[in-house]
N, C-alpha and C. Protein backbone atom coordinates (compact mmCIF):
# COMPACT_ATOMS: atom_id res chain seq x y z
N MET A 1 17.84 -31.65 197.66
CA MET A 1 17.52 -31.49 196.24
C MET A 1 17.57 -30.03 195.83
N GLY A 2 16.90 -29.14 196.61
CA GLY A 2 16.97 -27.71 196.33
C GLY A 2 16.03 -27.29 195.21
N ILE A 3 16.00 -25.98 194.98
CA ILE A 3 15.11 -25.43 193.97
C ILE A 3 15.87 -25.13 192.70
N LYS A 4 15.22 -25.36 191.57
CA LYS A 4 15.79 -25.02 190.26
C LYS A 4 14.95 -23.88 189.71
N LEU A 5 15.58 -22.73 189.48
CA LEU A 5 14.85 -21.55 189.02
C LEU A 5 14.89 -21.43 187.51
N ASP A 6 13.73 -21.17 186.93
CA ASP A 6 13.59 -20.98 185.50
C ASP A 6 13.29 -19.50 185.27
N TYR A 7 14.25 -18.77 184.72
CA TYR A 7 14.12 -17.32 184.62
C TYR A 7 13.42 -16.92 183.34
N LYS A 8 12.47 -15.97 183.49
CA LYS A 8 11.75 -15.41 182.36
C LYS A 8 12.52 -14.18 181.86
N ASN A 9 12.15 -13.73 180.66
CA ASN A 9 12.74 -12.54 180.08
C ASN A 9 12.54 -11.36 181.03
N GLY A 10 13.64 -10.68 181.37
CA GLY A 10 13.56 -9.52 182.25
C GLY A 10 13.79 -9.82 183.72
N GLN A 11 13.92 -11.11 184.08
CA GLN A 11 14.18 -11.45 185.48
C GLN A 11 15.68 -11.51 185.75
N THR A 12 16.04 -11.25 187.00
CA THR A 12 17.44 -11.21 187.39
C THR A 12 17.84 -12.53 188.04
N PRO A 13 18.81 -13.25 187.47
CA PRO A 13 19.24 -14.53 188.06
C PRO A 13 19.90 -14.34 189.43
N LEU A 14 19.67 -15.29 190.32
CA LEU A 14 20.33 -15.34 191.62
C LEU A 14 21.59 -16.18 191.52
N ASN A 15 22.62 -15.82 192.29
CA ASN A 15 23.81 -16.68 192.32
C ASN A 15 23.61 -17.78 193.37
N GLU A 16 24.55 -18.69 193.46
CA GLU A 16 24.40 -19.84 194.36
C GLU A 16 24.27 -19.42 195.82
N ASP A 17 25.06 -18.43 196.24
CA ASP A 17 24.98 -17.96 197.63
C ASP A 17 23.60 -17.39 197.93
N GLU A 18 23.04 -16.65 196.97
CA GLU A 18 21.72 -16.05 197.17
C GLU A 18 20.63 -17.13 197.23
N ILE A 19 20.73 -18.12 196.37
CA ILE A 19 19.77 -19.23 196.39
C ILE A 19 19.86 -19.98 197.72
N ALA A 20 21.08 -20.10 198.24
CA ALA A 20 21.28 -20.78 199.53
C ALA A 20 20.59 -20.04 200.68
N GLY A 21 20.21 -18.78 200.44
CA GLY A 21 19.52 -18.00 201.47
C GLY A 21 18.04 -18.29 201.58
N LEU A 22 17.56 -19.28 200.82
CA LEU A 22 16.14 -19.66 200.90
C LEU A 22 15.86 -20.27 202.27
N LYS A 23 14.93 -19.69 203.02
CA LYS A 23 14.63 -20.15 204.37
C LYS A 23 13.78 -21.42 204.39
N VAL A 24 12.85 -21.51 203.44
CA VAL A 24 11.91 -22.63 203.43
C VAL A 24 12.51 -23.74 202.56
N LYS A 25 13.20 -24.68 203.19
CA LYS A 25 13.98 -25.68 202.46
C LYS A 25 13.11 -26.70 201.73
N THR A 26 11.80 -26.72 202.04
CA THR A 26 10.90 -27.67 201.36
C THR A 26 10.47 -27.17 199.99
N ILE A 27 10.76 -25.90 199.68
CA ILE A 27 10.40 -25.36 198.37
C ILE A 27 11.30 -25.98 197.29
N THR A 28 10.68 -26.56 196.27
CA THR A 28 11.46 -27.16 195.18
C THR A 28 11.06 -26.64 193.80
N THR A 29 9.94 -25.93 193.70
CA THR A 29 9.48 -25.43 192.40
C THR A 29 9.30 -23.92 192.44
N VAL A 30 9.33 -23.29 191.26
CA VAL A 30 9.12 -21.85 191.17
C VAL A 30 7.70 -21.51 191.63
N GLY A 31 6.74 -22.38 191.34
CA GLY A 31 5.37 -22.14 191.77
C GLY A 31 5.25 -22.07 193.28
N GLU A 32 5.93 -22.98 193.98
CA GLU A 32 5.92 -22.97 195.44
C GLU A 32 6.60 -21.72 195.98
N LEU A 33 7.71 -21.35 195.34
CA LEU A 33 8.43 -20.13 195.76
C LEU A 33 7.54 -18.91 195.59
N ASN A 34 6.88 -18.80 194.43
CA ASN A 34 6.00 -17.66 194.18
C ASN A 34 4.88 -17.58 195.20
N GLU A 35 4.33 -18.74 195.58
CA GLU A 35 3.24 -18.77 196.56
C GLU A 35 3.70 -18.28 197.93
N HIS A 36 4.87 -18.75 198.37
CA HIS A 36 5.41 -18.30 199.66
C HIS A 36 5.72 -16.80 199.63
N GLU A 37 6.33 -16.36 198.54
CA GLU A 37 6.65 -14.94 198.43
C GLU A 37 5.38 -14.10 198.43
N GLN A 38 4.36 -14.53 197.69
CA GLN A 38 3.12 -13.76 197.60
C GLN A 38 2.44 -13.65 198.95
N ASN A 39 2.45 -14.73 199.72
CA ASN A 39 1.86 -14.68 201.06
C ASN A 39 2.59 -13.67 201.94
N ASN A 40 3.91 -13.65 201.84
CA ASN A 40 4.71 -12.71 202.61
C ASN A 40 4.46 -11.27 202.15
N ILE A 41 4.36 -11.08 200.84
CA ILE A 41 4.11 -9.75 200.28
C ILE A 41 2.76 -9.22 200.74
N GLU A 42 1.75 -10.08 200.77
CA GLU A 42 0.42 -9.65 201.21
C GLU A 42 0.45 -9.17 202.67
N GLU A 43 1.26 -9.83 203.51
CA GLU A 43 1.43 -9.36 204.88
C GLU A 43 2.05 -7.96 204.91
N ALA A 44 3.05 -7.76 204.03
CA ALA A 44 3.73 -6.45 203.97
C ALA A 44 2.80 -5.36 203.47
N VAL A 45 1.95 -5.69 202.51
CA VAL A 45 0.98 -4.72 201.98
C VAL A 45 0.04 -4.27 203.11
N GLN A 46 -0.47 -5.24 203.87
CA GLN A 46 -1.35 -4.91 205.00
C GLN A 46 -0.63 -4.02 206.01
N TRP A 47 0.62 -4.37 206.30
CA TRP A 47 1.41 -3.58 207.24
C TRP A 47 1.59 -2.15 206.74
N ALA A 48 1.89 -2.00 205.46
CA ALA A 48 2.19 -0.67 204.90
C ALA A 48 0.96 0.21 204.78
N PHE A 49 -0.16 -0.38 204.39
CA PHE A 49 -1.35 0.43 204.12
C PHE A 49 -2.23 0.64 205.35
N ASN A 50 -1.96 -0.05 206.42
CA ASN A 50 -2.76 0.11 207.62
C ASN A 50 -2.11 1.04 208.63
N ARG A 51 -1.30 1.96 208.13
CA ARG A 51 -0.66 2.92 209.02
C ARG A 51 -0.44 4.24 208.27
N LYS A 52 -0.37 5.29 209.01
CA LYS A 52 -0.08 6.61 208.43
C LYS A 52 1.44 6.75 208.35
N ILE A 53 1.94 7.00 207.16
CA ILE A 53 3.38 7.11 206.97
C ILE A 53 3.69 8.47 206.36
N SER A 54 4.57 9.21 206.97
CA SER A 54 4.92 10.53 206.46
C SER A 54 5.92 10.42 205.30
N PHE A 55 5.97 11.49 204.49
CA PHE A 55 6.95 11.52 203.41
C PHE A 55 8.37 11.42 203.96
N ASP A 56 8.60 12.07 205.09
CA ASP A 56 9.93 12.04 205.69
C ASP A 56 10.36 10.62 206.02
N THR A 57 9.39 9.75 206.30
CA THR A 57 9.68 8.34 206.58
C THR A 57 9.86 7.55 205.30
N ILE A 58 8.89 7.68 204.38
CA ILE A 58 8.92 6.91 203.13
C ILE A 58 10.19 7.18 202.34
N LEU A 59 10.57 8.44 202.27
CA LEU A 59 11.69 8.81 201.41
C LEU A 59 13.01 8.76 202.17
N THR A 60 13.26 7.59 202.77
CA THR A 60 14.55 7.31 203.42
C THR A 60 15.03 5.94 202.97
N LYS A 61 16.32 5.78 202.94
CA LYS A 61 16.90 4.47 202.60
C LYS A 61 16.46 3.42 203.60
N GLU A 62 16.40 3.78 204.88
CA GLU A 62 16.05 2.82 205.92
C GLU A 62 14.64 2.25 205.70
N TRP A 63 13.70 3.13 205.35
CA TRP A 63 12.33 2.67 205.13
C TRP A 63 12.24 1.77 203.89
N ILE A 64 12.93 2.16 202.83
CA ILE A 64 12.92 1.37 201.59
C ILE A 64 13.46 -0.04 201.86
N PHE A 65 14.53 -0.12 202.63
CA PHE A 65 15.11 -1.44 202.92
C PHE A 65 14.24 -2.23 203.90
N ASN A 66 13.62 -1.53 204.83
CA ASN A 66 12.72 -2.19 205.77
C ASN A 66 11.51 -2.78 205.05
N LEU A 67 10.99 -2.07 204.05
CA LEU A 67 9.85 -2.58 203.30
C LEU A 67 10.21 -3.88 202.57
N HIS A 68 11.38 -3.93 201.95
CA HIS A 68 11.82 -5.15 201.27
C HIS A 68 11.94 -6.30 202.29
N ASN A 69 12.47 -5.99 203.46
CA ASN A 69 12.56 -7.01 204.51
C ASN A 69 11.17 -7.52 204.89
N ARG A 70 10.22 -6.61 205.04
CA ARG A 70 8.85 -7.00 205.37
C ARG A 70 8.24 -7.90 204.28
N MET A 71 8.59 -7.63 203.04
CA MET A 71 8.03 -8.38 201.92
C MET A 71 8.58 -9.79 201.78
N TYR A 72 9.83 -10.01 202.21
CA TYR A 72 10.50 -11.28 201.91
C TYR A 72 11.14 -11.97 203.11
N LYS A 73 10.96 -11.44 204.31
CA LYS A 73 11.67 -11.97 205.49
C LYS A 73 11.30 -13.40 205.84
N ASN A 74 10.11 -13.86 205.44
CA ASN A 74 9.71 -15.24 205.73
C ASN A 74 10.28 -16.24 204.73
N VAL A 75 10.87 -15.72 203.64
CA VAL A 75 11.31 -16.60 202.55
C VAL A 75 12.83 -16.56 202.35
N TRP A 76 13.44 -15.38 202.46
CA TRP A 76 14.87 -15.23 202.12
C TRP A 76 15.66 -14.66 203.30
N GLU A 77 16.83 -15.24 203.55
CA GLU A 77 17.73 -14.74 204.60
C GLU A 77 18.19 -13.31 204.32
N TRP A 78 18.34 -12.97 203.04
CA TRP A 78 18.89 -11.68 202.66
C TRP A 78 17.81 -10.61 202.45
N ALA A 79 16.58 -10.88 202.86
CA ALA A 79 15.51 -9.88 202.71
C ALA A 79 15.92 -8.57 203.37
N GLY A 80 15.75 -7.47 202.64
CA GLY A 80 16.08 -6.16 203.18
C GLY A 80 17.55 -5.84 203.22
N GLN A 81 18.38 -6.71 202.65
CA GLN A 81 19.82 -6.47 202.64
C GLN A 81 20.29 -6.11 201.22
N LYS A 82 21.19 -5.16 201.18
CA LYS A 82 21.74 -4.71 199.90
C LYS A 82 22.45 -5.86 199.20
N ARG A 83 22.28 -5.96 197.90
CA ARG A 83 22.95 -7.04 197.17
C ARG A 83 24.46 -6.87 197.22
N THR A 84 25.16 -7.99 197.21
CA THR A 84 26.62 -7.98 197.28
C THR A 84 27.26 -8.50 196.00
N SER A 85 26.43 -8.66 194.97
CA SER A 85 26.95 -9.09 193.66
C SER A 85 26.37 -8.17 192.59
N ASN A 86 27.08 -8.04 191.49
CA ASN A 86 26.56 -7.27 190.36
C ASN A 86 25.66 -8.16 189.52
N LYS A 87 24.66 -7.54 188.88
CA LYS A 87 23.64 -8.27 188.13
C LYS A 87 23.62 -7.81 186.68
N ASN A 88 22.68 -8.41 185.93
CA ASN A 88 22.51 -8.02 184.53
C ASN A 88 21.79 -6.68 184.40
N ILE A 89 21.41 -6.11 185.54
CA ILE A 89 20.76 -4.81 185.58
C ILE A 89 21.20 -4.13 186.88
N GLY A 90 21.14 -2.82 186.90
CA GLY A 90 21.43 -2.10 188.14
C GLY A 90 22.80 -1.46 188.17
N VAL A 91 22.97 -0.56 189.13
CA VAL A 91 24.25 0.11 189.31
C VAL A 91 25.24 -0.88 189.92
N ASP A 92 26.51 -0.53 189.90
CA ASP A 92 27.52 -1.34 190.57
C ASP A 92 27.15 -1.47 192.05
N LYS A 93 27.38 -2.65 192.62
CA LYS A 93 27.00 -2.90 194.02
C LYS A 93 27.58 -1.87 194.98
N LYS A 94 28.74 -1.30 194.65
CA LYS A 94 29.37 -0.30 195.52
C LYS A 94 28.71 1.08 195.41
N SER A 95 27.86 1.26 194.41
CA SER A 95 27.23 2.56 194.16
C SER A 95 25.78 2.63 194.61
N ILE A 96 25.27 1.56 195.20
CA ILE A 96 23.84 1.50 195.56
C ILE A 96 23.45 2.62 196.52
N ASP A 97 24.22 2.79 197.60
CA ASP A 97 23.87 3.81 198.60
C ASP A 97 23.81 5.20 197.99
N VAL A 98 24.81 5.55 197.22
CA VAL A 98 24.87 6.89 196.60
C VAL A 98 23.69 7.07 195.65
N ALA A 99 23.39 6.03 194.86
CA ALA A 99 22.28 6.12 193.90
C ALA A 99 20.95 6.31 194.61
N ILE A 100 20.76 5.61 195.74
CA ILE A 100 19.53 5.75 196.52
C ILE A 100 19.39 7.17 197.06
N TYR A 101 20.47 7.71 197.62
CA TYR A 101 20.41 9.06 198.19
C TYR A 101 20.11 10.10 197.10
N HIS A 102 20.70 9.95 195.92
CA HIS A 102 20.42 10.87 194.80
C HIS A 102 18.95 10.77 194.39
N LEU A 103 18.44 9.54 194.30
CA LEU A 103 17.04 9.34 193.91
C LEU A 103 16.10 10.00 194.93
N LEU A 104 16.34 9.77 196.19
CA LEU A 104 15.47 10.33 197.22
C LEU A 104 15.49 11.85 197.21
N ASP A 105 16.67 12.43 196.97
CA ASP A 105 16.77 13.89 196.84
C ASP A 105 15.94 14.38 195.65
N ASP A 106 16.02 13.64 194.54
CA ASP A 106 15.23 14.00 193.34
C ASP A 106 13.73 13.96 193.64
N ILE A 107 13.28 12.87 194.26
CA ILE A 107 11.86 12.72 194.55
C ILE A 107 11.36 13.86 195.44
N LYS A 108 12.12 14.16 196.49
CA LYS A 108 11.72 15.25 197.39
C LYS A 108 11.63 16.57 196.63
N TYR A 109 12.60 16.82 195.75
CA TYR A 109 12.60 18.06 194.96
C TYR A 109 11.38 18.10 194.04
N TRP A 110 11.10 16.98 193.36
CA TRP A 110 9.95 16.93 192.44
C TRP A 110 8.64 17.18 193.16
N ILE A 111 8.51 16.63 194.37
CA ILE A 111 7.27 16.83 195.14
C ILE A 111 7.13 18.28 195.55
N VAL A 112 8.18 18.85 196.13
CA VAL A 112 8.12 20.23 196.64
C VAL A 112 7.88 21.22 195.51
N ASN A 113 8.49 20.97 194.35
CA ASN A 113 8.43 21.92 193.24
C ASN A 113 7.40 21.55 192.17
N SER A 114 6.63 20.48 192.41
CA SER A 114 5.63 20.02 191.43
C SER A 114 6.24 19.88 190.04
N THR A 115 7.43 19.29 190.00
CA THR A 115 8.14 19.12 188.73
C THR A 115 7.34 18.25 187.77
N TYR A 116 6.74 17.20 188.29
CA TYR A 116 5.86 16.32 187.53
C TYR A 116 4.57 16.16 188.33
N ASP A 117 3.52 15.62 187.68
CA ASP A 117 2.31 15.34 188.45
C ASP A 117 2.57 14.14 189.36
N PRO A 118 1.76 13.96 190.39
CA PRO A 118 2.01 12.90 191.38
C PRO A 118 2.15 11.50 190.78
N ILE A 119 1.35 11.18 189.79
CA ILE A 119 1.43 9.84 189.19
C ILE A 119 2.79 9.63 188.55
N GLU A 120 3.26 10.63 187.80
CA GLU A 120 4.57 10.49 187.15
C GLU A 120 5.69 10.43 188.17
N ILE A 121 5.58 11.17 189.26
CA ILE A 121 6.60 11.10 190.31
C ILE A 121 6.68 9.69 190.87
N ALA A 122 5.53 9.08 191.16
CA ALA A 122 5.50 7.73 191.71
C ALA A 122 6.06 6.71 190.73
N ILE A 123 5.75 6.88 189.45
CA ILE A 123 6.23 5.93 188.43
C ILE A 123 7.73 6.11 188.21
N ARG A 124 8.20 7.34 188.23
CA ARG A 124 9.65 7.56 188.11
C ARG A 124 10.38 6.98 189.33
N PHE A 125 9.78 7.07 190.49
CA PHE A 125 10.34 6.48 191.70
C PHE A 125 10.47 4.97 191.52
N LYS A 126 9.41 4.33 191.07
CA LYS A 126 9.42 2.88 190.84
C LYS A 126 10.49 2.50 189.82
N HIS A 127 10.50 3.21 188.70
CA HIS A 127 11.44 2.88 187.62
C HIS A 127 12.89 3.04 188.08
N SER A 128 13.16 4.11 188.81
CA SER A 128 14.53 4.36 189.27
C SER A 128 14.98 3.33 190.29
N LEU A 129 14.07 2.92 191.18
CA LEU A 129 14.42 1.88 192.16
C LEU A 129 14.83 0.58 191.45
N VAL A 130 14.07 0.21 190.43
CA VAL A 130 14.42 -1.01 189.67
C VAL A 130 15.75 -0.82 188.96
N SER A 131 15.98 0.37 188.43
CA SER A 131 17.23 0.64 187.71
C SER A 131 18.43 0.56 188.64
N ILE A 132 18.25 0.96 189.89
CA ILE A 132 19.34 0.84 190.88
C ILE A 132 19.51 -0.63 191.26
N HIS A 133 18.40 -1.33 191.45
CA HIS A 133 18.39 -2.77 191.78
C HIS A 133 19.13 -3.04 193.09
N CYS A 134 18.52 -2.57 194.17
CA CYS A 134 19.17 -2.63 195.48
C CYS A 134 19.37 -4.04 196.01
N PHE A 135 18.49 -4.97 195.63
CA PHE A 135 18.43 -6.27 196.30
C PHE A 135 18.74 -7.42 195.34
N PRO A 136 19.08 -8.58 195.86
CA PRO A 136 19.34 -9.73 194.99
C PRO A 136 18.14 -10.09 194.12
N ASN A 137 16.93 -9.94 194.67
CA ASN A 137 15.73 -10.31 193.94
C ASN A 137 14.54 -9.56 194.53
N GLY A 138 13.42 -9.58 193.81
CA GLY A 138 12.21 -8.93 194.28
C GLY A 138 12.17 -7.45 194.05
N ASN A 139 13.07 -6.92 193.23
CA ASN A 139 13.16 -5.48 193.02
C ASN A 139 11.93 -4.91 192.33
N GLY A 140 11.38 -5.62 191.35
CA GLY A 140 10.21 -5.13 190.63
C GLY A 140 8.99 -5.03 191.53
N ARG A 141 8.71 -6.11 192.25
CA ARG A 141 7.56 -6.12 193.15
C ARG A 141 7.73 -5.08 194.27
N HIS A 142 8.93 -4.97 194.79
CA HIS A 142 9.22 -3.99 195.84
C HIS A 142 9.01 -2.57 195.31
N ALA A 143 9.53 -2.28 194.12
CA ALA A 143 9.41 -0.93 193.55
C ALA A 143 7.96 -0.59 193.24
N ARG A 144 7.18 -1.57 192.78
CA ARG A 144 5.76 -1.30 192.53
C ARG A 144 5.03 -0.97 193.83
N LEU A 145 5.35 -1.70 194.89
CA LEU A 145 4.71 -1.40 196.18
C LEU A 145 5.15 -0.02 196.70
N CYS A 146 6.42 0.32 196.51
CA CYS A 146 6.88 1.66 196.90
C CYS A 146 6.09 2.74 196.16
N ALA A 147 5.87 2.53 194.86
CA ALA A 147 5.10 3.50 194.07
C ALA A 147 3.66 3.56 194.56
N ASP A 148 3.08 2.41 194.89
CA ASP A 148 1.71 2.38 195.41
C ASP A 148 1.60 3.17 196.71
N ILE A 149 2.57 2.98 197.59
CA ILE A 149 2.54 3.67 198.88
C ILE A 149 2.74 5.17 198.70
N LEU A 150 3.65 5.55 197.79
CA LEU A 150 3.90 6.97 197.54
C LEU A 150 2.66 7.65 196.95
N ILE A 151 2.02 7.00 195.97
CA ILE A 151 0.84 7.64 195.36
C ILE A 151 -0.30 7.74 196.36
N LYS A 152 -0.38 6.79 197.28
CA LYS A 152 -1.39 6.87 198.35
C LYS A 152 -1.15 8.11 199.20
N GLN A 153 0.11 8.40 199.51
CA GLN A 153 0.43 9.58 200.31
C GLN A 153 0.23 10.87 199.53
N LEU A 154 0.51 10.83 198.22
CA LEU A 154 0.42 12.05 197.40
C LEU A 154 -1.02 12.40 197.03
N THR A 155 -1.86 11.39 196.79
CA THR A 155 -3.20 11.66 196.26
C THR A 155 -4.34 11.01 197.03
N GLY A 156 -4.02 10.02 197.87
CA GLY A 156 -5.08 9.31 198.57
C GLY A 156 -5.58 8.08 197.83
N GLN A 157 -5.16 7.90 196.56
CA GLN A 157 -5.63 6.73 195.82
C GLN A 157 -4.90 5.47 196.30
N ASP A 158 -5.59 4.34 196.25
CA ASP A 158 -5.06 3.09 196.79
C ASP A 158 -4.14 2.37 195.80
N GLY A 159 -3.07 3.00 195.44
CA GLY A 159 -2.09 2.35 194.58
C GLY A 159 -2.51 2.28 193.12
N PHE A 160 -1.68 1.62 192.33
CA PHE A 160 -1.91 1.45 190.89
C PHE A 160 -2.49 0.07 190.61
N SER A 161 -3.08 -0.09 189.43
CA SER A 161 -3.66 -1.39 189.05
C SER A 161 -2.64 -2.29 188.38
N TRP A 162 -1.56 -1.71 187.82
CA TRP A 162 -0.49 -2.49 187.19
C TRP A 162 -1.04 -3.55 186.22
N GLY A 163 -1.76 -3.06 185.20
CA GLY A 163 -2.31 -3.99 184.21
C GLY A 163 -3.39 -4.88 184.79
N SER A 164 -4.20 -4.30 185.69
CA SER A 164 -5.30 -5.03 186.36
C SER A 164 -4.79 -6.15 187.24
N ASN A 165 -3.60 -5.96 187.79
CA ASN A 165 -3.03 -6.91 188.77
C ASN A 165 -2.84 -8.32 188.24
N ILE A 166 -2.64 -8.44 186.94
CA ILE A 166 -2.29 -9.75 186.37
C ILE A 166 -0.91 -10.13 186.89
N ASN A 167 -0.65 -11.43 187.08
CA ASN A 167 0.67 -11.87 187.54
C ASN A 167 1.71 -11.51 186.48
N LEU A 168 2.53 -10.53 186.78
CA LEU A 168 3.51 -10.05 185.80
C LEU A 168 4.71 -10.98 185.67
N TYR A 169 4.72 -12.08 186.41
CA TYR A 169 5.82 -13.04 186.30
C TYR A 169 5.45 -14.24 185.45
N GLN A 170 4.21 -14.23 184.90
CA GLN A 170 3.81 -15.28 183.97
C GLN A 170 3.95 -14.75 182.56
N GLU A 171 4.53 -15.57 181.68
CA GLU A 171 4.66 -15.17 180.28
C GLU A 171 3.28 -14.89 179.70
N GLY A 172 3.19 -13.87 178.87
CA GLY A 172 1.92 -13.55 178.25
C GLY A 172 1.89 -12.11 177.78
N GLU A 173 0.73 -11.70 177.31
CA GLU A 173 0.57 -10.38 176.72
C GLU A 173 0.83 -9.26 177.73
N GLN A 174 0.33 -9.43 178.96
CA GLN A 174 0.51 -8.40 179.98
C GLN A 174 1.98 -8.21 180.33
N ARG A 175 2.70 -9.32 180.52
CA ARG A 175 4.12 -9.23 180.85
C ARG A 175 4.90 -8.59 179.70
N SER A 176 4.57 -8.97 178.47
CA SER A 176 5.25 -8.38 177.31
C SER A 176 5.03 -6.87 177.25
N ALA A 177 3.79 -6.44 177.51
CA ALA A 177 3.48 -5.01 177.50
C ALA A 177 4.25 -4.28 178.61
N TYR A 178 4.36 -4.94 179.76
CA TYR A 178 5.08 -4.36 180.90
C TYR A 178 6.56 -4.21 180.58
N ILE A 179 7.17 -5.26 180.04
CA ILE A 179 8.60 -5.22 179.70
C ILE A 179 8.87 -4.14 178.64
N LYS A 180 7.98 -4.05 177.66
CA LYS A 180 8.13 -3.04 176.61
C LYS A 180 8.05 -1.63 177.22
N ALA A 181 7.11 -1.42 178.14
CA ALA A 181 6.96 -0.11 178.78
C ALA A 181 8.19 0.23 179.62
N LEU A 182 8.76 -0.78 180.29
CA LEU A 182 9.98 -0.56 181.07
C LEU A 182 11.13 -0.13 180.18
N LYS A 183 11.26 -0.77 179.04
CA LYS A 183 12.35 -0.44 178.12
C LYS A 183 12.20 0.98 177.56
N LEU A 184 10.97 1.38 177.29
CA LEU A 184 10.73 2.74 176.81
C LEU A 184 11.06 3.75 177.92
N ALA A 185 10.73 3.40 179.17
CA ALA A 185 11.08 4.28 180.29
C ALA A 185 12.60 4.38 180.43
N ASP A 186 13.30 3.27 180.17
CA ASP A 186 14.77 3.30 180.20
C ASP A 186 15.31 4.36 179.24
N ALA A 187 14.58 4.55 178.13
CA ALA A 187 15.00 5.52 177.12
C ALA A 187 14.42 6.90 177.38
N GLY A 188 13.71 7.07 178.50
CA GLY A 188 13.20 8.39 178.88
C GLY A 188 11.75 8.65 178.57
N ASP A 189 11.05 7.67 177.97
CA ASP A 189 9.63 7.82 177.65
C ASP A 189 8.80 7.09 178.71
N TYR A 190 8.26 7.83 179.66
CA TYR A 190 7.54 7.23 180.79
C TYR A 190 6.05 7.02 180.51
N LYS A 191 5.55 7.60 179.41
CA LYS A 191 4.11 7.55 179.16
C LYS A 191 3.56 6.12 179.11
N PRO A 192 4.18 5.18 178.35
CA PRO A 192 3.64 3.81 178.32
C PRO A 192 3.63 3.13 179.69
N LEU A 193 4.65 3.37 180.52
CA LEU A 193 4.68 2.76 181.85
C LEU A 193 3.59 3.36 182.74
N ILE A 194 3.38 4.66 182.62
CA ILE A 194 2.30 5.31 183.38
C ILE A 194 0.95 4.74 182.95
N GLU A 195 0.76 4.59 181.64
CA GLU A 195 -0.51 4.04 181.13
C GLU A 195 -0.71 2.61 181.60
N PHE A 196 0.36 1.82 181.58
CA PHE A 196 0.26 0.43 182.04
C PHE A 196 -0.08 0.39 183.54
N ALA A 197 0.60 1.20 184.32
CA ALA A 197 0.37 1.21 185.77
C ALA A 197 -1.07 1.57 186.11
N CYS A 198 -1.67 2.41 185.29
CA CYS A 198 -3.03 2.88 185.55
C CYS A 198 -4.10 2.06 184.81
N SER A 199 -3.68 1.04 184.06
CA SER A 199 -4.64 0.26 183.27
C SER A 199 -5.26 -0.89 184.05
């Protein structure tokens, strides 16, 4: 029978090959998928926050891809693998590696030179990762966790609240505010996204 996905505003559709990568064949609803993914993500959060991680480690392509694998390896065959199709968002699939290396160079420069305060650096990191869209799916949740881990290393704070941790994949006021903040960040105004992340 398989799963039928109902996409919300701002979500990236999967193609048939990507959907075929679902490991848990008993999943038939989006609710079941979300539950399996969330359980896997919670394992990844524990793994990431229960260890000392240096900037030299965090700010590498290998670590970024490994984190995505940790977040989704129990659910998707392609967890931690670069997407092989173009989407409604993101750079061309052939440009992902170059875009990641440019972003990591920027982040390192901003940290060393205090170009922005630590919170803005972490939020710009998150926003840029989503804009690149390295993976078939899970880019938003992955980028938020990357920002949480980076801000922990920069300031010691335990990540962001992201609108008080409301499920950002459910339609409602919080999701609308998040999407609006993302669009403003696309245009270069990061203040609403920073405020949302800290709210």
